[in-house]
Amino acid sequence: MSQHLKDTFAEAKAEGRTLFMPYVTAGYPEQTDTVPLLLALEAGGADIIELGVPFTDPVADGATVQHANEVAVANGTTFRDCLLFVREARSQGLVAPVLLMGYLNPVMAYGIERAVTDTSAAGADGYIMVDMPPEEAAEFIELCKSHDLSFVPLVAPTTGEDRMDGVAAAGDAFLYCVSVTGTTGQRDQLPAELGEFLDRVRAHSTLPLAVGFGISRREHVEAVGRIADAAIVGSAIIAAIDAAEPERRTERVREYVEGVTGH
């Protein structure tokens, strides 16, 4: 388990505040943007950062993040590059925990044991693997634990009661609660049944809960903060990057994060 992650949630709970967890795709729009964007996210108020590992078929993601993945792959961004970005960001002062977010294929192509070892050495804190069900992840989870990394399971509204205990038990730092059925992307409103869904998850776990998918505005973050421990934003970060002139990308992202966090 990543003690860094655990401590981050504990400190926020003691302070009575909601953690903000943004996502950015590694290698997008250019490889040279990634480290400055990671630092800008933290400067704006990010508590934990998801670094997306580019993949050719990001089936859980909406059009915005899919496009970012396509561009990053076309830029030649590899799993190894993601580790180099984390290492370089740490050398430049990045403190926030970093989770590698993505799909199993790039990790397998790199070599699973090598990936876990090198992820820890680079200074990352764990994985969110969209297409790795906990039932099939026992060996990977043990590898993560042996290198002080966290494996973060995803729980969806469609997760049945018969699976919930097993999925929850696979986590050690927090659970990623998918707010909607479907793909990532910005939405006008959070689901009315979100609170009921989180209550159902809490009946199976005492871990902190982070909510992602469809969160983009400050009012969304505030609403999530009333019922969960962390708010995750992805597509809106990519949109902020896309809306900026190249020389203002990092500034625009920092401003966006400041706006939604009140930092």
C-alpha atoms as a PDB file:
ATOM      1  CA  MET A   1       0.000   0.000   0.000  1.00  0.00           C
ATOM      2  CA  SER A   2       1.105   3.539  -0.674  1.00  0.00           C
ATOM      3  CA  GLN A   3       1.492   5.206   2.721  1.00  0.00           C
ATOM      4  CA  HIS A   4       1.640   8.495   0.839  1.00  0.00           C
ATOM      5  CA  LEU A   5      -1.909   7.953  -0.436  1.00  0.00           C
ATOM      6  CA  LYS A   6      -3.193   6.805   2.937  1.00  0.00           C
ATOM      7  CA  ASP A   7      -1.694   9.832   4.673  1.00  0.00           C
ATOM      8  CA  THR A   8      -3.146  12.193   2.064  1.00  0.00           C
ATOM      9  CA  PHE A   9      -6.672  10.952   2.734  1.00  0.00           C
ATOM     10  CA  ALA A  10      -6.139  10.996   6.505  1.00  0.00           C
ATOM     11  CA  GLU A  11      -4.867  14.572   6.475  1.00  0.00           C
ATOM     12  CA  ALA A  12      -7.803  15.768   4.375  1.00  0.00           C
ATOM     13  CA  LYS A  13     -10.260  14.038   6.683  1.00  0.00           C
ATOM     14  CA  ALA A  14      -8.660  15.694   9.714  1.00  0.00           C
ATOM     15  CA  GLU A  15      -8.947  19.049   7.963  1.00  0.00           C
ATOM     16  CA  GLY A  16     -12.553  18.391   6.947  1.00  0.00           C
ATOM     17  CA  ARG A  17     -11.992  18.956   3.243  1.00  0.00           C
ATOM     18  CA  THR A  18     -12.571  17.115  -0.010  1.00  0.00           C
ATOM     19  CA  LEU A  19      -9.568  15.883  -1.959  1.00  0.00           C
ATOM     20  CA  PHE A  20      -9.293  16.958  -5.590  1.00  0.00           C
ATOM     21  CA  MET A  21      -7.966  14.356  -8.004  1.00  0.00           C
ATOM     22  CA  PRO A  22      -7.449  15.501 -11.608  1.00  0.00           C
ATOM     23  CA  TYR A  23      -6.512  13.337 -14.585  1.00  0.00           C
ATOM     24  CA  VAL A  24      -4.181  14.222 -17.444  1.00  0.00           C
ATOM     25  CA  THR A  25      -3.078  12.008 -20.332  1.00  0.00           C
ATOM     26  CA  ALA A  26       0.676  11.509 -20.503  1.00  0.00           C
ATOM     27  CA  GLY A  27       2.167  12.809 -23.740  1.00  0.00           C
ATOM     28  CA  TYR A  28      -0.768  15.096 -24.574  1.00  0.00           C
ATOM     29  CA  PRO A  29      -0.816  17.447 -26.388  1.00  0.00           C
ATOM     30  CA  GLU A  30       2.970  17.020 -26.653  1.00  0.00           C
ATOM     31  CA  GLN A  31       5.333  14.912 -24.584  1.00  0.00           C
ATOM     32  CA  THR A  32       7.073  18.078 -23.393  1.00  0.00           C
ATOM     33  CA  ASP A  33       3.794  19.301 -21.868  1.00  0.00           C
ATOM     34  CA  THR A  34       3.366  16.479 -19.374  1.00  0.00           C
ATOM     35  CA  VAL A  35       5.757  17.435 -16.581  1.00  0.00           C
ATOM     36  CA  PRO A  36       4.773  21.139 -16.627  1.00  0.00           C
ATOM     37  CA  LEU A  37       1.097  20.105 -16.533  1.00  0.00           C
ATOM     38  CA  LEU A  38       1.658  17.807 -13.549  1.00  0.00           C
ATOM     39  CA  LEU A  39       3.314  20.677 -11.680  1.00  0.00           C
ATOM     40  CA  ALA A  40       0.533  23.071 -12.729  1.00  0.00           C
ATOM     41  CA  LEU A  41      -2.139  20.690 -11.422  1.00  0.00           C
ATOM     42  CA  GLU A  42      -0.473  20.599  -8.021  1.00  0.00           C
ATOM     43  CA  ALA A  43       0.073  24.366  -7.994  1.00  0.00           C
ATOM     44  CA  GLY A  44      -3.638  24.844  -8.626  1.00  0.00           C
ATOM     45  CA  GLY A  45      -4.656  22.656  -5.698  1.00  0.00           C
ATOM     46  CA  ALA A  46      -4.544  19.019  -6.830  1.00  0.00           C
ATOM     47  CA  ASP A  47      -4.119  16.606  -3.927  1.00  0.00           C
ATOM     48  CA  ILE A  48      -3.652  13.408  -5.944  1.00  0.00           C
ATOM     49  CA  ILE A  49      -2.966  13.183  -9.684  1.00  0.00           C
ATOM     50  CA  GLU A  50      -3.999  10.503 -12.163  1.00  0.00           C
ATOM     51  CA  LEU A  51      -1.526  10.199 -15.017  1.00  0.00           C
ATOM     52  CA  GLY A  52      -3.187   8.490 -17.939  1.00  0.00           C
ATOM     53  CA  VAL A  53      -1.081   5.852 -19.690  1.00  0.00           C
ATOM     54  CA  PRO A  54      -1.909   6.209 -23.403  1.00  0.00           C
ATOM     55  CA  PHE A  55      -3.629   3.256 -25.031  1.00  0.00           C
ATOM     56  CA  THR A  56      -5.081   2.655 -28.488  1.00  0.00           C
ATOM     57  CA  ASP A  57      -8.479   1.438 -27.240  1.00  0.00           C
ATOM     58  CA  PRO A  58      -9.560   3.298 -24.081  1.00  0.00           C
ATOM     59  CA  VAL A  59     -13.048   1.808 -24.008  1.00  0.00           C
ATOM     60  CA  ALA A  60     -14.124   3.343 -20.680  1.00  0.00           C
ATOM     61  CA  ASP A  61     -13.382   6.870 -21.815  1.00  0.00           C
ATOM     62  CA  GLY A  62     -15.505   9.388 -23.660  1.00  0.00           C
ATOM     63  CA  ALA A  63     -14.576  11.278 -26.807  1.00  0.00           C
ATOM     64  CA  THR A  64     -12.393  13.899 -25.086  1.00  0.00           C
ATOM     65  CA  VAL A  65     -10.080  11.463 -23.305  1.00  0.00           C
ATOM     66  CA  GLN A  66     -10.141   9.068 -26.261  1.00  0.00           C
ATOM     67  CA  HIS A  67      -8.830  11.857 -28.476  1.00  0.00           C
ATOM     68  CA  ALA A  68      -6.097  12.675 -25.961  1.00  0.00           C
ATOM     69  CA  ASN A  69      -5.065   9.015 -25.948  1.00  0.00           C
ATOM     70  CA  GLU A  70      -4.986   8.902 -29.746  1.00  0.00           C
ATOM     71  CA  VAL A  71      -2.753  11.981 -29.926  1.00  0.00           C
ATOM     72  CA  ALA A  72      -0.460  10.728 -27.173  1.00  0.00           C
ATOM     73  CA  VAL A  73      -0.085   7.345 -28.884  1.00  0.00           C
ATOM     74  CA  ALA A  74       0.646   9.098 -32.186  1.00  0.00           C
ATOM     75  CA  ASN A  75       3.288  11.122 -30.341  1.00  0.00           C
ATOM     76  CA  GLY A  76       4.976   7.822 -29.480  1.00  0.00           C
ATOM     77  CA  THR A  77       4.267   8.027 -25.747  1.00  0.00           C
ATOM     78  CA  THR A  78       5.016   4.716 -24.032  1.00  0.00           C
ATOM     79  CA  PHE A  79       4.652   3.268 -20.561  1.00  0.00           C
ATOM     80  CA  ARG A  80       8.351   3.939 -20.046  1.00  0.00           C
ATOM     81  CA  ASP A  81       7.790   7.592 -20.920  1.00  0.00           C
ATOM     82  CA  CYS A  82       5.087   7.793 -18.248  1.00  0.00           C
ATOM     83  CA  LEU A  83       7.581   6.627 -15.632  1.00  0.00           C
ATOM     84  CA  LEU A  84      10.139   9.147 -16.881  1.00  0.00           C
ATOM     85  CA  PHE A  85       7.542  11.926 -16.584  1.00  0.00           C
ATOM     86  CA  VAL A  86       6.837  10.977 -12.965  1.00  0.00           C
ATOM     87  CA  ARG A  87      10.527  10.791 -12.127  1.00  0.00           C
ATOM     88  CA  GLU A  88      11.214  14.181 -13.723  1.00  0.00           C
ATOM     89  CA  ALA A  89       8.225  15.809 -12.020  1.00  0.00           C
ATOM     90  CA  ARG A  90       9.431  14.493  -8.654  1.00  0.00           C
ATOM     91  CA  SER A  91      12.875  15.925  -9.342  1.00  0.00           C
ATOM     92  CA  GLN A  92      11.223  19.293  -9.978  1.00  0.00           C
ATOM     93  CA  GLY A  93       9.359  19.226  -6.685  1.00  0.00           C
ATOM     94  CA  LEU A  94       6.063  17.427  -7.303  1.00  0.00           C
ATOM     95  CA  VAL A  95       4.783  16.177  -3.929  1.00  0.00           C
ATOM     96  CA  ALA A  96       1.233  14.921  -4.628  1.00  0.00           C
ATOM     97  CA  PRO A  97       0.675  11.174  -4.954  1.00  0.00           C
ATOM     98  CA  VAL A  98       0.548  10.027  -8.576  1.00  0.00           C
ATOM     99  CA  LEU A  99      -1.516   7.083  -9.799  1.00  0.00           C
ATOM    100  CA  LEU A 100      -1.011   5.526 -13.211  1.00  0.00           C
ATOM    101  CA  MET A 101      -4.455   5.319 -14.767  1.00  0.00           C
ATOM    102  CA  GLY A 102      -5.249   3.164 -17.727  1.00  0.00           C
ATOM    103  CA  TYR A 103      -5.448  -0.302 -19.200  1.00  0.00           C
ATOM    104  CA  LEU A 104      -3.611  -3.575 -18.748  1.00  0.00           C
ATOM    105  CA  ASN A 105      -2.147  -3.937 -22.239  1.00  0.00           C
ATOM    106  CA  PRO A 106       0.645  -1.304 -21.937  1.00  0.00           C
ATOM    107  CA  VAL A 107       1.668  -2.771 -18.582  1.00  0.00           C
ATOM    108  CA  MET A 108       1.778  -6.304 -19.994  1.00  0.00           C
ATOM    109  CA  ALA A 109       3.775  -5.115 -23.003  1.00  0.00           C
ATOM    110  CA  TYR A 110       6.325  -3.548 -20.650  1.00  0.00           C
ATOM    111  CA  GLY A 111       6.376  -6.618 -18.411  1.00  0.00           C
ATOM    112  CA  ILE A 112       4.205  -6.723 -15.300  1.00  0.00           C
ATOM    113  CA  GLU A 113       6.903  -7.373 -12.686  1.00  0.00           C
ATOM    114  CA  ARG A 114       9.245  -4.882 -14.323  1.00  0.00           C
ATOM    115  CA  ALA A 115       6.414  -2.338 -14.539  1.00  0.00           C
ATOM    116  CA  VAL A 116       5.620  -2.548 -10.838  1.00  0.00           C
ATOM    117  CA  THR A 117       9.273  -2.369  -9.817  1.00  0.00           C
ATOM    118  CA  ASP A 118       9.972   0.606 -12.083  1.00  0.00           C
ATOM    119  CA  THR A 119       6.747   2.376 -11.111  1.00  0.00           C
ATOM    120  CA  SER A 120       7.803   2.342  -7.477  1.00  0.00           C
ATOM    121  CA  ALA A 121      11.334   3.465  -8.340  1.00  0.00           C
ATOM    122  CA  ALA A 122      10.001   6.365 -10.422  1.00  0.00           C
ATOM    123  CA  GLY A 123       8.044   7.734  -7.467  1.00  0.00           C
ATOM    124  CA  ALA A 124       4.477   6.856  -8.446  1.00  0.00           C
ATOM    125  CA  ASP A 125       2.044   5.543  -5.844  1.00  0.00           C
ATOM    126  CA  GLY A 126      -0.033   2.916  -7.581  1.00  0.00           C
ATOM    127  CA  TYR A 127      -2.451   1.957 -10.326  1.00  0.00           C
ATOM    128  CA  ILE A 128      -6.030   2.388 -11.431  1.00  0.00           C
ATOM    129  CA  MET A 129      -6.532  -0.335 -14.022  1.00  0.00           C
ATOM    130  CA  VAL A 130      -9.844   0.048 -15.797  1.00  0.00           C
ATOM    131  CA  ASP A 131      -9.901  -3.409 -17.382  1.00  0.00           C
ATOM    132  CA  MET A 132      -8.396  -5.481 -14.553  1.00  0.00           C
ATOM    133  CA  PRO A 133     -11.185  -6.894 -12.370  1.00  0.00           C
ATOM    134  CA  PRO A 134     -10.030  -7.598  -8.809  1.00  0.00           C
ATOM    135  CA  GLU A 135     -11.037 -11.236  -9.260  1.00  0.00           C
ATOM    136  CA  GLU A 136      -8.261 -11.533 -11.858  1.00  0.00           C
ATOM    137  CA  ALA A 137      -5.737  -9.229 -10.190  1.00  0.00           C
ATOM    138  CA  ALA A 138      -4.526 -11.190  -7.149  1.00  0.00           C
ATOM    139  CA  GLU A 139      -0.959 -11.606  -8.409  1.00  0.00           C
ATOM    140  CA  PHE A 140      -0.763  -7.989  -9.564  1.00  0.00           C
ATOM    141  CA  ILE A 141      -2.135  -6.734  -6.229  1.00  0.00           C
ATOM    142  CA  GLU A 142       0.471  -8.730  -4.317  1.00  0.00           C
ATOM    143  CA  LEU A 143       3.214  -7.302  -6.526  1.00  0.00           C
ATOM    144  CA  CYS A 144       1.928  -3.804  -5.807  1.00  0.00           C
ATOM    145  CA  LYS A 145       1.874  -4.442  -2.065  1.00  0.00           C
ATOM    146  CA  SER A 146       5.441  -5.743  -2.129  1.00  0.00           C
ATOM    147  CA  HIS A 147       6.559  -2.451  -3.695  1.00  0.00           C
ATOM    148  CA  ASP A 148       4.492  -0.132  -1.465  1.00  0.00           C
ATOM    149  CA  LEU A 149       2.059   0.662  -4.267  1.00  0.00           C
ATOM    150  CA  SER A 150      -1.726   0.766  -4.118  1.00  0.00           C
ATOM    151  CA  PHE A 151      -4.162  -0.965  -6.444  1.00  0.00           C
ATOM    152  CA  VAL A 152      -7.351   1.074  -6.681  1.00  0.00           C
ATOM    153  CA  PRO A 153     -10.475  -0.921  -7.623  1.00  0.00           C
ATOM    154  CA  LEU A 154     -13.358   0.623  -9.519  1.00  0.00           C
ATOM    155  CA  VAL A 155     -16.896   0.218  -8.240  1.00  0.00           C
ATOM    156  CA  ALA A 156     -19.818   1.050 -10.529  1.00  0.00           C
ATOM    157  CA  PRO A 157     -23.558   1.418  -9.987  1.00  0.00           C
ATOM    158  CA  THR A 158     -23.876  -1.884 -11.839  1.00  0.00           C
ATOM    159  CA  THR A 159     -21.559  -3.742  -9.432  1.00  0.00           C
ATOM    160  CA  GLY A 160     -23.709  -6.435  -7.862  1.00  0.00           C
ATOM    161  CA  GLU A 161     -23.930  -7.130  -4.165  1.00  0.00           C
ATOM    162  CA  ASP A 162     -22.391 -10.543  -4.749  1.00  0.00           C
ATOM    163  CA  ARG A 163     -19.179  -8.873  -6.040  1.00  0.00           C
ATOM    164  CA  MET A 164     -19.029  -5.826  -3.815  1.00  0.00           C
ATOM    165  CA  ASP A 165     -17.174  -7.402  -0.883  1.00  0.00           C
ATOM    166  CA  GLY A 166     -14.491  -8.845  -3.136  1.00  0.00           C
ATOM    167  CA  VAL A 167     -14.002  -5.628  -5.079  1.00  0.00           C
ATOM    168  CA  ALA A 168     -13.813  -3.551  -1.898  1.00  0.00           C
ATOM    169  CA  ALA A 169     -11.349  -5.972  -0.289  1.00  0.00           C
ATOM    170  CA  ALA A 170      -8.950  -5.525  -3.208  1.00  0.00           C
ATOM    171  CA  GLY A 171      -8.400  -1.864  -2.295  1.00  0.00           C
ATOM    172  CA  ASP A 172      -6.166  -0.521   0.431  1.00  0.00           C
ATOM    173  CA  ALA A 173      -6.102   3.278   0.022  1.00  0.00           C
ATOM    174  CA  PHE A 174      -9.501   4.189  -1.442  1.00  0.00           C
ATOM    175  CA  LEU A 175     -12.200   2.993  -3.822  1.00  0.00           C
ATOM    176  CA  TYR A 176     -12.866   4.668  -7.168  1.00  0.00           C
ATOM    177  CA  CYS A 177     -16.643   5.032  -7.458  1.00  0.00           C
ATOM    178  CA  VAL A 178     -17.871   5.457 -11.031  1.00  0.00           C
ATOM    179  CA  SER A 179     -20.796   7.859 -10.752  1.00  0.00           C
ATOM    180  CA  VAL A 180     -22.634   6.734 -13.887  1.00  0.00           C
ATOM    181  CA  THR A 181     -22.997   3.835 -16.245  1.00  0.00           C
ATOM    182  CA  GLY A 182     -21.196   4.676 -19.464  1.00  0.00           C
ATOM    183  CA  THR A 183     -17.989   6.463 -20.360  1.00  0.00           C
ATOM    184  CA  THR A 184     -16.107   9.416 -18.959  1.00  0.00           C
ATOM    185  CA  GLY A 185     -17.068  12.936 -19.990  1.00  0.00           C
ATOM    186  CA  GLN A 186     -18.510  16.201 -18.779  1.00  0.00           C
ATOM    187  CA  ARG A 187     -22.175  16.281 -17.744  1.00  0.00           C
ATOM    188  CA  ASP A 188     -24.514  19.010 -16.534  1.00  0.00           C
ATOM    189  CA  GLN A 189     -25.666  17.279 -13.360  1.00  0.00           C
ATOM    190  CA  LEU A 190     -24.534  14.534 -11.053  1.00  0.00           C
ATOM    191  CA  PRO A 191     -26.831  11.493 -10.876  1.00  0.00           C
ATOM    192  CA  ALA A 192     -29.652  11.890  -8.370  1.00  0.00           C
ATOM    193  CA  GLU A 193     -28.964   8.369  -7.089  1.00  0.00           C
ATOM    194  CA  LEU A 194     -25.258   8.989  -6.404  1.00  0.00           C
ATOM    195  CA  GLY A 195     -25.718   9.262  -2.630  1.00  0.00           C
ATOM    196  CA  GLU A 196     -27.650   5.996  -2.508  1.00  0.00           C
ATOM    197  CA  PHE A 197     -24.927   4.283  -4.544  1.00  0.00           C
ATOM    198  CA  LEU A 198     -22.195   5.502  -2.172  1.00  0.00           C
ATOM    199  CA  ASP A 199     -24.205   4.325   0.825  1.00  0.00           C
ATOM    200  CA  ARG A 200     -24.334   0.893  -0.766  1.00  0.00           C
ATOM    201  CA  VAL A 201     -20.569   0.895  -1.237  1.00  0.00           C
ATOM    202  CA  ARG A 202     -20.007   1.992   2.366  1.00  0.00           C
ATOM    203  CA  ALA A 203     -21.961  -1.001   3.564  1.00  0.00           C
ATOM    204  CA  HIS A 204     -19.087  -3.108   2.218  1.00  0.00           C
ATOM    205  CA  SER A 205     -16.005  -0.997   2.984  1.00  0.00           C
ATOM    206  CA  THR A 206     -14.604   1.554   5.406  1.00  0.00           C
ATOM    207  CA  LEU A 207     -12.110   2.878   2.849  1.00  0.00           C
ATOM    208  CA  PRO A 208     -12.393   6.476   1.601  1.00  0.00           C
ATOM    209  CA  LEU A 209     -14.491   6.916  -1.532  1.00  0.00           C
ATOM    210  CA  ALA A 210     -13.492   8.947  -4.579  1.00  0.00           C
ATOM    211  CA  VAL A 211     -16.097   9.785  -7.216  1.00  0.00           C
ATOM    212  CA  GLY A 212     -15.293  10.134 -10.910  1.00  0.00           C
ATOM    213  CA  PHE A 213     -17.005  10.378 -14.326  1.00  0.00           C
ATOM    214  CA  GLY A 214     -19.075  13.456 -15.162  1.00  0.00           C
ATOM    215  CA  ILE A 215     -17.530  15.932 -12.712  1.00  0.00           C
ATOM    216  CA  SER A 216     -16.390  19.214 -14.242  1.00  0.00           C
ATOM    217  CA  ARG A 217     -17.524  22.252 -12.243  1.00  0.00           C
ATOM    218  CA  ARG A 218     -16.977  23.644  -8.774  1.00  0.00           C
ATOM    219  CA  GLU A 219     -20.557  22.912  -7.780  1.00  0.00           C
ATOM    220  CA  HIS A 220     -20.003  19.272  -8.765  1.00  0.00           C
ATOM    221  CA  VAL A 221     -16.889  19.095  -6.609  1.00  0.00           C
ATOM    222  CA  GLU A 222     -18.724  20.683  -3.691  1.00  0.00           C
ATOM    223  CA  ALA A 223     -21.663  18.303  -4.079  1.00  0.00           C
ATOM    224  CA  VAL A 224     -19.352  15.293  -4.161  1.00  0.00           C
ATOM    225  CA  GLY A 225     -17.556  16.634  -1.088  1.00  0.00           C
ATOM    226  CA  ARG A 226     -20.766  16.418   0.917  1.00  0.00           C
ATOM    227  CA  ILE A 227     -21.080  12.678   0.342  1.00  0.00           C
ATOM    228  CA  ALA A 228     -17.583  11.381  -0.534  1.00  0.00           C
ATOM    229  CA  ASP A 229     -13.911  11.922   0.235  1.00  0.00           C
ATOM    230  CA  ALA A 230     -12.516  12.931  -3.156  1.00  0.00           C
ATOM    231  CA  ALA A 231     -13.687  14.314  -6.494  1.00  0.00           C
ATOM    232  CA  ILE A 232     -12.076  13.148  -9.743  1.00  0.00           C
ATOM    233  CA  VAL A 233     -12.006  15.327 -12.870  1.00  0.00           C
ATOM    234  CA  GLY A 234     -10.620  14.232 -16.237  1.00  0.00           C
ATOM    235  CA  SER A 235     -12.334  15.415 -19.403  1.00  0.00           C
ATOM    236  CA  ALA A 236     -12.622  18.989 -18.152  1.00  0.00           C
ATOM    237  CA  ILE A 237      -8.853  19.104 -17.614  1.00  0.00           C
ATOM    238  CA  ILE A 238      -8.269  17.959 -21.202  1.00  0.00           C
ATOM    239  CA  ALA A 239     -10.809  20.546 -22.390  1.00  0.00           C
ATOM    240  CA  ALA A 240      -8.960  23.282 -20.488  1.00  0.00           C
ATOM    241  CA  ILE A 241      -5.732  22.248 -22.210  1.00  0.00           C
ATOM    242  CA  ASP A 242      -7.442  22.263 -25.604  1.00  0.00           C
ATOM    243  CA  ALA A 243      -8.930  25.720 -25.037  1.00  0.00           C
ATOM    244  CA  ALA A 244      -5.566  27.341 -24.319  1.00  0.00           C
ATOM    245  CA  GLU A 245      -2.901  28.675 -26.613  1.00  0.00           C
ATOM    246  CA  PRO A 246       0.150  26.393 -26.461  1.00  0.00           C
ATOM    247  CA  GLU A 247       2.166  28.863 -24.405  1.00  0.00           C
ATOM    248  CA  ARG A 248      -0.671  29.192 -21.863  1.00  0.00           C
ATOM    249  CA  ARG A 249      -1.561  25.538 -21.335  1.00  0.00           C
ATOM    250  CA  THR A 250      -0.024  25.174 -17.900  1.00  0.00           C
ATOM    251  CA  GLU A 251      -1.368  28.529 -16.749  1.00  0.00           C
ATOM    252  CA  ARG A 252      -4.873  27.692 -17.981  1.00  0.00           C
ATOM    253  CA  VAL A 253      -4.864  24.318 -16.241  1.00  0.00           C
ATOM    254  CA  ARG A 254      -3.658  25.847 -12.988  1.00  0.00           C
ATOM    255  CA  GLU A 255      -6.411  28.474 -13.216  1.00  0.00           C
ATOM    256  CA  TYR A 256      -9.045  25.827 -13.897  1.00  0.00           C
ATOM    257  CA  VAL A 257      -7.989  23.768 -10.882  1.00  0.00           C
ATOM    258  CA  GLU A 258      -7.919  26.871  -8.680  1.00  0.00           C
ATOM    259  CA  GLY A 259     -11.445  27.654  -9.828  1.00  0.00           C
ATOM    260  CA  VAL A 260     -12.950  24.275  -9.007  1.00  0.00           C
ATOM    261  CA  THR A 261     -11.056  23.791  -5.755  1.00  0.00           C
ATOM    262  CA  GLY A 262     -11.182  27.352  -4.420  1.00  0.00           C
ATOM    263  CA  HIS A 263      -7.448  26.994  -3.775  1.00  0.00           C
END
